[in-house]
Amino acid sequence: MFKSIEEAAKEAGRKQEDVTVIAVTKYVDNTIAKGLVDLGIKHIGESRVDKFLDKYAILNNEALTWHLIGSLQRRKVKDVINYVDYFHALDSIHLAKEIEKRANHPIKCFLQVNISGEDSKHGFTVSEIDQAIEEISKLNKVQLVGLMTMAPLDADQKTIAEIFEEARQLRNKLQAENRKNMPFTELSMGMSNDFTIAIQHGASFVRIGTSFFK
């Protein structure tokens, strides 16, 4: 897998160290997750609050960076947000305001954008982004470090590439606006089935689960 990351980065004229690998451990127990950490994995991703807190209690140390990558219900924000280094699924203004209320420090967030237009996916549509940013700009503890998007699981490579490229172009536009507390330097996209395409289109964080455990 790491060889594939290196090759995809090289093909895109990038360095392997430009891409952060998040080990998604939602399908494995604490023992297996600890094994990854012992092998040198520094970034852990969980999609559910209960699983996140469980792994955090067992594995947490100063060398690890913690990513909450799944949808977050507003009623659970208070339970988890102050343990999170990066939150990848900011998908509503109401959620942003709840984070503002519950966080005791600025939280690095990815604005989730539903570029594919799938009804099953959360996130802002492209046309909703500007208004969302205007509202979030009023908050002090929500730092928008980038965009997160996902391609359909059954999409062909051309479609996946188009979705990821649109995300990159949108990120570039937002980064150029140079808004306070909104650096938009990062792109969170790409999973086990499409991370090489994501890297070729600028992903700086890829979320890898099943490829670690085959």
N, C-alpha and C. Protein backbone atom coordinates (compact mmCIF):
# COMPACT_ATOMS: atom_id res chain seq x y z
N MET A 1 0.82 -1.21 0.00
CA MET A 1 0.00 0.00 0.00
C MET A 1 0.86 1.27 0.00
N PHE A 2 1.89 1.30 0.87
CA PHE A 2 2.74 2.49 0.93
C PHE A 2 3.51 2.66 -0.37
N LYS A 3 3.84 1.54 -1.03
CA LYS A 3 4.49 1.63 -2.33
C LYS A 3 3.54 2.27 -3.35
N SER A 4 2.25 1.92 -3.28
CA SER A 4 1.26 2.51 -4.19
C SER A 4 1.12 4.01 -3.94
N ILE A 5 1.18 4.41 -2.68
CA ILE A 5 1.12 5.83 -2.34
C ILE A 5 2.32 6.56 -2.91
N GLU A 6 3.49 5.97 -2.74
CA GLU A 6 4.72 6.59 -3.26
C GLU A 6 4.64 6.74 -4.77
N GLU A 7 4.17 5.71 -5.45
CA GLU A 7 4.09 5.76 -6.92
C GLU A 7 3.06 6.77 -7.40
N ALA A 8 1.90 6.83 -6.72
CA ALA A 8 0.86 7.79 -7.11
C ALA A 8 1.35 9.23 -6.90
N ALA A 9 2.04 9.46 -5.80
CA ALA A 9 2.57 10.79 -5.53
C ALA A 9 3.62 11.17 -6.58
N LYS A 10 4.49 10.24 -6.89
CA LYS A 10 5.53 10.51 -7.88
C LYS A 10 4.93 10.82 -9.24
N GLU A 11 3.90 10.08 -9.62
CA GLU A 11 3.23 10.30 -10.90
C GLU A 11 2.62 11.70 -10.97
N ALA A 12 2.18 12.20 -9.82
CA ALA A 12 1.57 13.52 -9.76
C ALA A 12 2.58 14.63 -9.50
N GLY A 13 3.86 14.29 -9.47
CA GLY A 13 4.89 15.27 -9.21
C GLY A 13 4.93 15.71 -7.76
N ARG A 14 4.52 14.82 -6.86
CA ARG A 14 4.49 15.13 -5.43
C ARG A 14 5.42 14.19 -4.68
N LYS A 15 5.65 14.51 -3.41
CA LYS A 15 6.45 13.66 -2.55
C LYS A 15 5.53 12.80 -1.69
N GLN A 16 6.00 11.60 -1.34
CA GLN A 16 5.20 10.72 -0.50
C GLN A 16 4.84 11.39 0.82
N GLU A 17 5.76 12.18 1.37
CA GLU A 17 5.50 12.83 2.66
C GLU A 17 4.45 13.94 2.57
N ASP A 18 4.04 14.29 1.36
CA ASP A 18 2.95 15.26 1.20
C ASP A 18 1.59 14.64 1.50
N VAL A 19 1.55 13.32 1.63
CA VAL A 19 0.29 12.61 1.84
C VAL A 19 0.30 11.95 3.22
N THR A 20 -0.67 12.30 4.03
CA THR A 20 -0.82 11.71 5.37
C THR A 20 -1.78 10.54 5.29
N VAL A 21 -1.34 9.40 5.77
CA VAL A 21 -2.17 8.19 5.78
C VAL A 21 -2.87 8.08 7.13
N ILE A 22 -4.19 8.04 7.11
CA ILE A 22 -4.99 7.82 8.30
C ILE A 22 -5.41 6.35 8.32
N ALA A 23 -5.03 5.65 9.38
CA ALA A 23 -5.45 4.25 9.52
C ALA A 23 -6.85 4.23 10.13
N VAL A 24 -7.82 3.78 9.35
CA VAL A 24 -9.20 3.72 9.80
C VAL A 24 -9.40 2.38 10.49
N THR A 25 -9.65 2.43 11.80
CA THR A 25 -9.65 1.21 12.61
C THR A 25 -11.03 0.77 13.06
N LYS A 26 -12.07 1.25 12.39
CA LYS A 26 -13.42 0.98 12.87
C LYS A 26 -13.82 -0.49 12.78
N TYR A 27 -13.15 -1.26 11.95
CA TYR A 27 -13.52 -2.66 11.79
C TYR A 27 -12.62 -3.61 12.59
N VAL A 28 -11.70 -3.07 13.37
CA VAL A 28 -10.77 -3.93 14.11
C VAL A 28 -10.81 -3.59 15.59
N ASP A 29 -10.36 -4.54 16.40
CA ASP A 29 -10.38 -4.32 17.84
C ASP A 29 -9.13 -3.56 18.28
N ASN A 30 -9.06 -3.28 19.58
CA ASN A 30 -7.98 -2.47 20.11
C ASN A 30 -6.61 -3.13 19.96
N THR A 31 -6.58 -4.44 20.03
CA THR A 31 -5.31 -5.15 19.91
C THR A 31 -4.71 -4.98 18.52
N ILE A 32 -5.53 -5.14 17.50
CA ILE A 32 -5.05 -4.96 16.13
C ILE A 32 -4.68 -3.50 15.88
N ALA A 33 -5.50 -2.58 16.38
CA ALA A 33 -5.18 -1.16 16.22
C ALA A 33 -3.85 -0.82 16.89
N LYS A 34 -3.62 -1.38 18.07
CA LYS A 34 -2.35 -1.15 18.76
C LYS A 34 -1.19 -1.70 17.95
N GLY A 35 -1.41 -2.80 17.25
CA GLY A 35 -0.38 -3.35 16.39
C GLY A 35 0.04 -2.38 15.31
N LEU A 36 -0.92 -1.67 14.74
CA LEU A 36 -0.60 -0.65 13.73
C LEU A 36 0.25 0.46 14.33
N VAL A 37 -0.13 0.88 15.54
CA VAL A 37 0.63 1.94 16.21
C VAL A 37 2.06 1.47 16.47
N ASP A 38 2.20 0.23 16.90
CA ASP A 38 3.52 -0.33 17.17
C ASP A 38 4.37 -0.40 15.90
N LEU A 39 3.70 -0.50 14.74
CA LEU A 39 4.41 -0.54 13.46
C LEU A 39 4.78 0.85 12.95
N GLY A 40 4.31 1.87 13.65
CA GLY A 40 4.69 3.23 13.28
C GLY A 40 3.59 4.13 12.77
N ILE A 41 2.35 3.63 12.73
CA ILE A 41 1.23 4.47 12.30
C ILE A 41 1.02 5.59 13.31
N LYS A 42 0.89 6.82 12.82
CA LYS A 42 0.77 7.99 13.70
C LYS A 42 -0.61 8.64 13.67
N HIS A 43 -1.44 8.27 12.69
CA HIS A 43 -2.74 8.90 12.52
C HIS A 43 -3.82 7.81 12.58
N ILE A 44 -4.75 7.96 13.52
CA ILE A 44 -5.83 7.01 13.72
C ILE A 44 -7.16 7.68 13.39
N GLY A 45 -8.01 6.99 12.61
CA GLY A 45 -9.31 7.52 12.24
C GLY A 45 -10.44 6.60 12.67
N GLU A 46 -11.47 7.20 13.26
CA GLU A 46 -12.67 6.46 13.63
C GLU A 46 -13.89 7.24 13.15
N SER A 47 -14.96 6.50 12.79
CA SER A 47 -16.16 7.15 12.27
C SER A 47 -17.28 7.27 13.29
N ARG A 48 -17.22 6.48 14.37
CA ARG A 48 -18.26 6.52 15.40
C ARG A 48 -17.68 7.01 16.72
N VAL A 49 -18.48 7.80 17.41
CA VAL A 49 -18.01 8.40 18.65
C VAL A 49 -17.62 7.35 19.68
N ASP A 50 -18.45 6.33 19.86
CA ASP A 50 -18.15 5.32 20.88
C ASP A 50 -16.86 4.58 20.57
N LYS A 51 -16.66 4.24 19.32
CA LYS A 51 -15.43 3.55 18.92
C LYS A 51 -14.22 4.47 19.06
N PHE A 52 -14.41 5.72 18.71
CA PHE A 52 -13.33 6.71 18.87
C PHE A 52 -12.88 6.78 20.32
N LEU A 53 -13.84 6.97 21.22
CA LEU A 53 -13.51 7.12 22.63
C LEU A 53 -12.87 5.86 23.20
N ASP A 54 -13.33 4.71 22.73
CA ASP A 54 -12.76 3.45 23.19
C ASP A 54 -11.30 3.32 22.77
N LYS A 55 -11.02 3.58 21.50
CA LYS A 55 -9.64 3.52 21.02
C LYS A 55 -8.78 4.58 21.70
N TYR A 56 -9.33 5.76 21.86
CA TYR A 56 -8.57 6.86 22.48
C TYR A 56 -8.14 6.48 23.90
N ALA A 57 -9.03 5.88 24.65
CA ALA A 57 -8.73 5.50 26.04
C ALA A 57 -7.61 4.47 26.11
N ILE A 58 -7.57 3.57 25.14
CA ILE A 58 -6.60 2.49 25.16
C ILE A 58 -5.27 2.88 24.53
N LEU A 59 -5.33 3.63 23.43
CA LEU A 59 -4.14 3.85 22.61
C LEU A 59 -3.50 5.21 22.75
N ASN A 60 -4.21 6.16 23.33
CA ASN A 60 -3.74 7.54 23.23
C ASN A 60 -2.35 7.73 23.81
N ASN A 61 -1.53 8.41 23.04
CA ASN A 61 -0.24 8.91 23.53
C ASN A 61 0.10 10.15 22.71
N GLU A 62 1.12 10.84 23.12
CA GLU A 62 1.43 12.13 22.51
C GLU A 62 1.86 12.02 21.06
N ALA A 63 2.25 10.82 20.63
CA ALA A 63 2.72 10.65 19.26
C ALA A 63 1.59 10.47 18.26
N LEU A 64 0.36 10.22 18.74
CA LEU A 64 -0.76 9.93 17.85
C LEU A 64 -1.58 11.18 17.54
N THR A 65 -2.08 11.23 16.32
CA THR A 65 -3.01 12.26 15.89
C THR A 65 -4.35 11.59 15.63
N TRP A 66 -5.42 12.17 16.18
CA TRP A 66 -6.74 11.53 16.15
C TRP A 66 -7.68 12.23 15.20
N HIS A 67 -8.32 11.42 14.35
CA HIS A 67 -9.22 11.93 13.32
C HIS A 67 -10.61 11.32 13.52
N LEU A 68 -11.61 12.17 13.65
CA LEU A 68 -13.00 11.71 13.61
C LEU A 68 -13.48 11.93 12.19
N ILE A 69 -13.78 10.83 11.50
CA ILE A 69 -14.02 10.92 10.05
C ILE A 69 -15.47 10.72 9.65
N GLY A 70 -16.32 10.32 10.60
CA GLY A 70 -17.71 10.04 10.26
C GLY A 70 -18.65 11.16 10.67
N SER A 71 -19.90 11.02 10.26
CA SER A 71 -20.93 12.00 10.63
C SER A 71 -21.05 12.08 12.15
N LEU A 72 -21.26 13.30 12.64
CA LEU A 72 -21.32 13.53 14.08
C LEU A 72 -22.67 14.15 14.44
N GLN A 73 -23.42 13.47 15.29
CA GLN A 73 -24.68 14.01 15.77
C GLN A 73 -24.41 15.15 16.76
N ARG A 74 -25.23 16.18 16.69
CA ARG A 74 -24.99 17.33 17.55
C ARG A 74 -25.02 16.97 19.03
N ARG A 75 -25.87 16.03 19.42
CA ARG A 75 -25.96 15.67 20.83
C ARG A 75 -24.71 14.97 21.35
N LYS A 76 -23.86 14.49 20.43
CA LYS A 76 -22.64 13.79 20.84
C LYS A 76 -21.39 14.66 20.76
N VAL A 77 -21.54 15.89 20.29
CA VAL A 77 -20.38 16.77 20.13
C VAL A 77 -19.66 16.94 21.47
N LYS A 78 -20.40 17.19 22.51
CA LYS A 78 -19.80 17.46 23.83
C LYS A 78 -18.98 16.29 24.34
N ASP A 79 -19.29 15.08 23.90
CA ASP A 79 -18.60 13.88 24.39
C ASP A 79 -17.23 13.69 23.78
N VAL A 80 -17.01 14.22 22.59
CA VAL A 80 -15.83 13.82 21.83
C VAL A 80 -14.98 14.96 21.30
N ILE A 81 -15.55 16.12 21.08
CA ILE A 81 -14.88 17.12 20.25
C ILE A 81 -13.54 17.57 20.81
N ASN A 82 -13.39 17.59 22.12
CA ASN A 82 -12.13 18.07 22.68
C ASN A 82 -11.01 17.03 22.68
N TYR A 83 -11.30 15.83 22.20
CA TYR A 83 -10.27 14.81 22.03
C TYR A 83 -9.81 14.71 20.58
N VAL A 84 -10.47 15.42 19.70
CA VAL A 84 -10.26 15.29 18.26
C VAL A 84 -9.19 16.28 17.79
N ASP A 85 -8.23 15.77 17.00
CA ASP A 85 -7.26 16.66 16.36
C ASP A 85 -7.79 17.20 15.04
N TYR A 86 -8.46 16.32 14.27
CA TYR A 86 -9.07 16.73 13.00
C TYR A 86 -10.46 16.12 12.91
N PHE A 87 -11.44 16.94 12.53
CA PHE A 87 -12.79 16.46 12.28
C PHE A 87 -13.06 16.59 10.78
N HIS A 88 -13.38 15.47 10.13
CA HIS A 88 -13.43 15.43 8.67
C HIS A 88 -14.83 15.57 8.08
N ALA A 89 -15.85 15.75 8.88
CA ALA A 89 -17.22 15.66 8.34
C ALA A 89 -18.11 16.80 8.83
N LEU A 90 -17.63 18.03 8.73
CA LEU A 90 -18.46 19.17 9.08
C LEU A 90 -19.47 19.39 7.96
N ASP A 91 -20.73 19.04 8.22
CA ASP A 91 -21.71 18.98 7.13
C ASP A 91 -22.93 19.86 7.34
N SER A 92 -22.91 20.72 8.37
CA SER A 92 -24.05 21.64 8.55
C SER A 92 -23.63 22.83 9.42
N ILE A 93 -24.35 23.91 9.27
CA ILE A 93 -24.12 25.09 10.09
C ILE A 93 -24.48 24.80 11.55
N HIS A 94 -25.55 24.06 11.76
CA HIS A 94 -25.96 23.73 13.13
C HIS A 94 -24.85 22.95 13.85
N LEU A 95 -24.20 22.05 13.13
CA LEU A 95 -23.11 21.28 13.74
C LEU A 95 -21.93 22.19 14.05
N ALA A 96 -21.62 23.10 13.15
CA ALA A 96 -20.53 24.04 13.40
C ALA A 96 -20.79 24.87 14.65
N LYS A 97 -22.02 25.30 14.82
CA LYS A 97 -22.37 26.11 15.99
C LYS A 97 -22.29 25.29 17.28
N GLU A 98 -22.62 24.00 17.19
CA GLU A 98 -22.51 23.15 18.37
C GLU A 98 -21.04 22.92 18.74
N ILE A 99 -20.21 22.76 17.75
CA ILE A 99 -18.77 22.65 18.01
C ILE A 99 -18.26 23.92 18.67
N GLU A 100 -18.66 25.05 18.16
CA GLU A 100 -18.28 26.34 18.75
C GLU A 100 -18.68 26.40 20.22
N LYS A 101 -19.82 25.89 20.53
CA LYS A 101 -20.35 25.92 21.90
C LYS A 101 -19.59 24.98 22.83
N ARG A 102 -19.19 23.82 22.32
CA ARG A 102 -18.64 22.77 23.18
C ARG A 102 -17.12 22.69 23.20
N ALA A 103 -16.46 23.21 22.21
CA ALA A 103 -15.00 23.08 22.13
C ALA A 103 -14.32 24.05 23.10
N ASN A 104 -13.22 23.59 23.68
CA ASN A 104 -12.45 24.50 24.54
C ASN A 104 -11.18 24.99 23.87
N HIS A 105 -11.05 24.69 22.57
CA HIS A 105 -9.94 25.20 21.77
C HIS A 105 -10.36 25.10 20.30
N PRO A 106 -9.68 25.81 19.39
CA PRO A 106 -10.03 25.71 17.97
C PRO A 106 -9.88 24.28 17.45
N ILE A 107 -10.87 23.84 16.69
CA ILE A 107 -10.89 22.48 16.14
C ILE A 107 -10.61 22.55 14.64
N LYS A 108 -9.66 21.76 14.19
CA LYS A 108 -9.34 21.70 12.77
C LYS A 108 -10.40 20.85 12.07
N CYS A 109 -11.15 21.49 11.19
CA CYS A 109 -12.29 20.83 10.53
C CYS A 109 -12.13 20.83 9.01
N PHE A 110 -12.65 19.77 8.41
CA PHE A 110 -12.82 19.72 6.96
C PHE A 110 -14.29 19.95 6.64
N LEU A 111 -14.55 20.87 5.76
CA LEU A 111 -15.91 21.09 5.29
C LEU A 111 -16.26 19.96 4.33
N GLN A 112 -17.30 19.21 4.65
CA GLN A 112 -17.70 18.09 3.79
C GLN A 112 -18.54 18.60 2.64
N VAL A 113 -18.11 18.29 1.42
CA VAL A 113 -18.83 18.75 0.24
C VAL A 113 -19.26 17.53 -0.57
N ASN A 114 -20.52 17.52 -0.93
CA ASN A 114 -21.11 16.39 -1.66
C ASN A 114 -21.06 16.69 -3.15
N ILE A 115 -19.89 16.52 -3.73
CA ILE A 115 -19.70 16.83 -5.14
C ILE A 115 -20.43 15.84 -6.04
N SER A 116 -20.50 14.60 -5.62
CA SER A 116 -21.14 13.58 -6.45
C SER A 116 -22.65 13.74 -6.53
N GLY A 117 -23.24 14.45 -5.58
CA GLY A 117 -24.68 14.68 -5.58
C GLY A 117 -25.50 13.49 -5.13
N GLU A 118 -24.88 12.51 -4.50
CA GLU A 118 -25.61 11.33 -4.04
C GLU A 118 -26.50 11.68 -2.85
N ASP A 119 -27.73 11.19 -2.89
CA ASP A 119 -28.65 11.41 -1.78
C ASP A 119 -28.17 10.75 -0.50
N SER A 120 -27.41 9.68 -0.64
CA SER A 120 -26.96 8.92 0.53
C SER A 120 -25.79 9.58 1.25
N LYS A 121 -25.20 10.60 0.66
CA LYS A 121 -24.04 11.25 1.26
C LYS A 121 -24.42 12.56 1.93
N HIS A 122 -23.78 12.82 3.05
CA HIS A 122 -23.95 14.09 3.75
C HIS A 122 -23.06 15.14 3.08
N GLY A 123 -23.19 16.37 3.55
CA GLY A 123 -22.31 17.43 3.09
C GLY A 123 -23.03 18.53 2.35
N PHE A 124 -22.33 19.65 2.22
CA PHE A 124 -22.85 20.79 1.48
C PHE A 124 -22.73 20.54 -0.02
N THR A 125 -23.69 21.02 -0.78
CA THR A 125 -23.52 21.05 -2.22
C THR A 125 -22.56 22.18 -2.56
N VAL A 126 -22.02 22.14 -3.75
CA VAL A 126 -21.08 23.18 -4.16
C VAL A 126 -21.75 24.55 -4.10
N SER A 127 -23.02 24.62 -4.46
CA SER A 127 -23.72 25.91 -4.47
C SER A 127 -23.98 26.44 -3.07
N GLU A 128 -23.89 25.59 -2.06
CA GLU A 128 -24.13 26.00 -0.68
C GLU A 128 -22.87 26.45 0.06
N ILE A 129 -21.71 26.23 -0.56
CA ILE A 129 -20.45 26.44 0.15
C ILE A 129 -20.25 27.90 0.57
N ASP A 130 -20.48 28.84 -0.33
CA ASP A 130 -20.21 30.24 0.00
C ASP A 130 -21.03 30.72 1.18
N GLN A 131 -22.31 30.37 1.21
CA GLN A 131 -23.16 30.77 2.33
C GLN A 131 -22.70 30.10 3.62
N ALA A 132 -22.32 28.84 3.52
CA ALA A 132 -21.84 28.12 4.70
C ALA A 132 -20.60 28.80 5.27
N ILE A 133 -19.70 29.18 4.42
CA ILE A 133 -18.46 29.82 4.87
C ILE A 133 -18.75 31.16 5.53
N GLU A 134 -19.71 31.90 4.99
CA GLU A 134 -20.08 33.17 5.61
C GLU A 134 -20.57 32.96 7.03
N GLU A 135 -21.37 31.94 7.25
CA GLU A 135 -21.89 31.66 8.59
C GLU A 135 -20.78 31.17 9.52
N ILE A 136 -19.94 30.28 9.02
CA ILE A 136 -18.89 29.71 9.86
C ILE A 136 -17.82 30.76 10.19
N SER A 137 -17.67 31.75 9.34
CA SER A 137 -16.67 32.80 9.60
C SER A 137 -16.98 33.60 10.86
N LYS A 138 -18.21 33.50 11.36
CA LYS A 138 -18.59 34.19 12.59
C LYS A 138 -18.15 33.44 13.84
N LEU A 139 -17.65 32.23 13.66
CA LEU A 139 -17.26 31.37 14.78
C LEU A 139 -15.75 31.44 15.00
N ASN A 140 -15.33 31.22 16.22
CA ASN A 140 -13.92 31.33 16.57
C ASN A 140 -13.22 29.99 16.75
N LYS A 141 -13.99 28.93 17.02
CA LYS A 141 -13.37 27.65 17.37
C LYS A 141 -13.50 26.61 16.27
N VAL A 142 -13.96 27.03 15.11
CA VAL A 142 -14.05 26.14 13.95
C VAL A 142 -13.06 26.64 12.90
N GLN A 143 -11.97 25.90 12.76
CA GLN A 143 -10.94 26.26 11.79
C GLN A 143 -11.09 25.37 10.57
N LEU A 144 -11.38 25.97 9.43
CA LEU A 144 -11.57 25.20 8.21
C LEU A 144 -10.23 25.00 7.51
N VAL A 145 -9.68 23.82 7.72
CA VAL A 145 -8.35 23.53 7.15
C VAL A 145 -8.44 22.99 5.74
N GLY A 146 -9.63 22.54 5.32
CA GLY A 146 -9.74 21.99 3.98
C GLY A 146 -11.11 21.44 3.68
N LEU A 147 -11.19 20.70 2.58
CA LEU A 147 -12.42 20.06 2.13
C LEU A 147 -12.29 18.55 2.23
N MET A 148 -13.41 17.91 2.50
CA MET A 148 -13.49 16.45 2.43
C MET A 148 -14.59 16.07 1.47
N THR A 149 -14.31 15.09 0.62
CA THR A 149 -15.35 14.55 -0.25
C THR A 149 -15.11 13.07 -0.48
N MET A 150 -16.15 12.39 -0.94
CA MET A 150 -16.06 10.97 -1.26
C MET A 150 -16.68 10.72 -2.62
N ALA A 151 -16.08 9.80 -3.35
CA ALA A 151 -16.64 9.38 -4.63
C ALA A 151 -17.57 8.19 -4.42
N PRO A 152 -18.54 7.98 -5.31
CA PRO A 152 -19.40 6.79 -5.20
C PRO A 152 -18.58 5.52 -5.25
N LEU A 153 -18.98 4.53 -4.48
CA LEU A 153 -18.23 3.28 -4.42
C LEU A 153 -18.21 2.55 -5.76
N ASP A 154 -19.28 2.73 -6.54
CA ASP A 154 -19.38 2.01 -7.81
C ASP A 154 -18.98 2.85 -9.02
N ALA A 155 -18.37 4.00 -8.77
CA ALA A 155 -18.01 4.88 -9.89
C ALA A 155 -16.80 4.34 -10.64
N ASP A 156 -16.73 4.64 -11.95
CA ASP A 156 -15.55 4.27 -12.72
C ASP A 156 -14.43 5.26 -12.44
N GLN A 157 -13.22 4.94 -12.89
CA GLN A 157 -12.06 5.75 -12.56
C GLN A 157 -12.16 7.16 -13.12
N LYS A 158 -12.74 7.29 -14.29
CA LYS A 158 -12.88 8.62 -14.89
C LYS A 158 -13.78 9.50 -14.03
N THR A 159 -14.89 8.96 -13.58
CA THR A 159 -15.81 9.72 -12.73
C THR A 159 -15.16 10.09 -11.39
N ILE A 160 -14.46 9.13 -10.81
CA ILE A 160 -13.76 9.40 -9.54
C ILE A 160 -12.76 10.53 -9.72
N ALA A 161 -12.00 10.47 -10.80
CA ALA A 161 -11.00 11.51 -11.06
C ALA A 161 -11.65 12.87 -11.22
N GLU A 162 -12.78 12.91 -11.91
CA GLU A 162 -13.48 14.19 -12.12
C GLU A 162 -13.98 14.77 -10.80
N ILE A 163 -14.50 13.92 -9.92
CA ILE A 163 -14.98 14.37 -8.62
C ILE A 163 -13.83 14.92 -7.79
N PHE A 164 -12.73 14.20 -7.74
CA PHE A 164 -11.59 14.63 -6.94
C PHE A 164 -10.96 15.90 -7.51
N GLU A 165 -10.93 16.02 -8.81
CA GLU A 165 -10.38 17.22 -9.42
C GLU A 165 -11.26 18.43 -9.14
N GLU A 166 -12.57 18.24 -9.16
CA GLU A 166 -13.47 19.35 -8.83
C GLU A 166 -13.24 19.80 -7.38
N ALA A 167 -13.03 18.83 -6.50
CA ALA A 167 -12.74 19.18 -5.10
C ALA A 167 -11.45 19.98 -4.99
N ARG A 168 -10.45 19.58 -5.74
CA ARG A 168 -9.19 20.32 -5.70
C ARG A 168 -9.37 21.74 -6.20
N GLN A 169 -10.07 21.91 -7.29
CA GLN A 169 -10.26 23.25 -7.83
C GLN A 169 -11.06 24.13 -6.86
N LEU A 170 -12.06 23.54 -6.21
CA LEU A 170 -12.84 24.29 -5.23
C LEU A 170 -11.96 24.66 -4.04
N ARG A 171 -11.14 23.72 -3.57
CA ARG A 171 -10.23 24.01 -2.47
C ARG A 171 -9.28 25.15 -2.84
N ASN A 172 -8.74 25.11 -4.05
CA ASN A 172 -7.82 26.15 -4.49
C ASN A 172 -8.49 27.52 -4.48
N LYS A 173 -9.74 27.57 -4.93
CA LYS A 173 -10.49 28.83 -4.93
C LYS A 173 -10.66 29.36 -3.51
N LEU A 174 -11.04 28.48 -2.59
CA LEU A 174 -11.27 28.90 -1.22
C LEU A 174 -9.96 29.30 -0.53
N GLN A 175 -8.91 28.59 -0.84
CA GLN A 175 -7.60 28.93 -0.26
C GLN A 175 -7.17 30.32 -0.72
N ALA A 176 -7.42 30.64 -1.97
CA ALA A 176 -7.02 31.94 -2.52
C ALA A 176 -7.77 33.10 -1.88
N GLU A 177 -8.93 32.82 -1.32
CA GLU A 177 -9.70 33.88 -0.66
C GLU A 177 -9.07 34.34 0.65
N ASN A 178 -8.19 33.52 1.22
CA ASN A 178 -7.36 33.91 2.36
C ASN A 178 -8.20 34.46 3.51
N ARG A 179 -9.23 33.74 3.89
CA ARG A 179 -10.11 34.16 4.98
C ARG A 179 -9.50 33.81 6.33
N LYS A 180 -9.78 34.63 7.31
CA LYS A 180 -9.31 34.39 8.66
C LYS A 180 -9.85 33.05 9.18
N ASN A 181 -8.96 32.25 9.76
CA ASN A 181 -9.32 30.99 10.38
C ASN A 181 -9.80 29.94 9.37
N MET A 182 -9.52 30.18 8.08
CA MET A 182 -9.95 29.26 7.03
C MET A 182 -8.83 29.07 6.02
N PRO A 183 -7.75 28.40 6.41
CA PRO A 183 -6.61 28.28 5.48
C PRO A 183 -6.89 27.44 4.24
N PHE A 184 -7.76 26.45 4.35
CA PHE A 184 -8.11 25.58 3.22
C PHE A 184 -6.86 25.07 2.49
N THR A 185 -5.92 24.57 3.26
CA THR A 185 -4.70 24.02 2.67
C THR A 185 -4.78 22.53 2.37
N GLU A 186 -5.80 21.84 2.91
CA GLU A 186 -5.83 20.38 2.86
C GLU A 186 -7.00 19.83 2.05
N LEU A 187 -6.81 18.59 1.61
CA LEU A 187 -7.87 17.84 0.94
C LEU A 187 -7.93 16.44 1.54
N SER A 188 -9.06 16.10 2.14
CA SER A 188 -9.27 14.76 2.69
C SER A 188 -10.16 14.00 1.72
N MET A 189 -9.56 13.07 0.99
CA MET A 189 -10.32 12.28 0.02
C MET A 189 -9.50 11.08 -0.38
N GLY A 190 -10.19 10.01 -0.68
CA GLY A 190 -9.53 8.78 -1.07
C GLY A 190 -9.57 7.76 0.05
N MET A 191 -10.07 6.56 -0.29
CA MET A 191 -10.11 5.45 0.64
C MET A 191 -9.41 4.25 0.00
N SER A 192 -9.58 3.07 0.56
CA SER A 192 -8.82 1.92 0.09
C SER A 192 -9.01 1.65 -1.41
N ASN A 193 -10.20 1.92 -1.93
CA ASN A 193 -10.49 1.58 -3.32
C ASN A 193 -10.08 2.66 -4.31
N ASP A 194 -9.80 3.88 -3.83
CA ASP A 194 -9.53 4.96 -4.80
C ASP A 194 -8.47 5.95 -4.33
N PHE A 195 -7.64 5.56 -3.35
CA PHE A 195 -6.70 6.53 -2.80
C PHE A 195 -5.62 6.95 -3.80
N THR A 196 -5.25 6.07 -4.74
CA THR A 196 -4.22 6.46 -5.70
C THR A 196 -4.74 7.57 -6.62
N ILE A 197 -6.00 7.49 -7.00
CA ILE A 197 -6.59 8.55 -7.83
C ILE A 197 -6.66 9.84 -7.04
N ALA A 198 -7.05 9.73 -5.77
CA ALA A 198 -7.14 10.92 -4.93
C ALA A 198 -5.79 11.61 -4.80
N ILE A 199 -4.74 10.84 -4.61
CA ILE A 199 -3.40 11.42 -4.48
C ILE A 199 -3.01 12.15 -5.75
N GLN A 200 -3.34 11.57 -6.89
CA GLN A 200 -3.02 12.20 -8.16
C GLN A 200 -3.76 13.52 -8.36
N HIS A 201 -4.83 13.71 -7.60
CA HIS A 201 -5.61 14.95 -7.70
C HIS A 201 -5.53 15.79 -6.43
N GLY A 202 -4.44 15.62 -5.70
CA GLY A 202 -4.12 16.57 -4.65
C GLY A 202 -4.46 16.20 -3.23
N ALA A 203 -4.96 14.99 -2.98
CA ALA A 203 -5.30 14.62 -1.60
C ALA A 203 -4.09 14.75 -0.69
N SER A 204 -4.28 15.36 0.46
CA SER A 204 -3.21 15.44 1.45
C SER A 204 -3.47 14.50 2.62
N PHE A 205 -4.71 14.05 2.79
CA PHE A 205 -5.07 13.04 3.77
C PHE A 205 -5.87 11.95 3.05
N VAL A 206 -5.44 10.70 3.20
CA VAL A 206 -6.20 9.57 2.66
C VAL A 206 -6.59 8.67 3.83
N ARG A 207 -7.79 8.11 3.75
CA ARG A 207 -8.36 7.34 4.85
C ARG A 207 -8.38 5.85 4.45
N ILE A 208 -7.45 5.08 5.00
CA ILE A 208 -7.24 3.71 4.57
C ILE A 208 -7.67 2.75 5.67
N GLY A 209 -8.58 1.84 5.33
CA GLY A 209 -9.03 0.84 6.29
C GLY A 209 -8.68 -0.55 5.83
N THR A 210 -9.49 -1.07 4.92
CA THR A 210 -9.36 -2.49 4.55
C THR A 210 -7.99 -2.85 3.97
N SER A 211 -7.34 -1.93 3.31
CA SER A 211 -6.03 -2.23 2.72
C SER A 211 -4.98 -2.57 3.78
N PHE A 212 -5.17 -2.09 4.99
CA PHE A 212 -4.24 -2.42 6.07
C PHE A 212 -4.42 -3.85 6.56
N PHE A 213 -5.61 -4.41 6.38
CA PHE A 213 -5.96 -5.64 7.09
C PHE A 213 -6.18 -6.83 6.15
N LYS A 214 -5.79 -6.70 4.90
CA LYS A 214 -5.96 -7.80 3.95
C LYS A 214 -4.95 -8.91 4.25
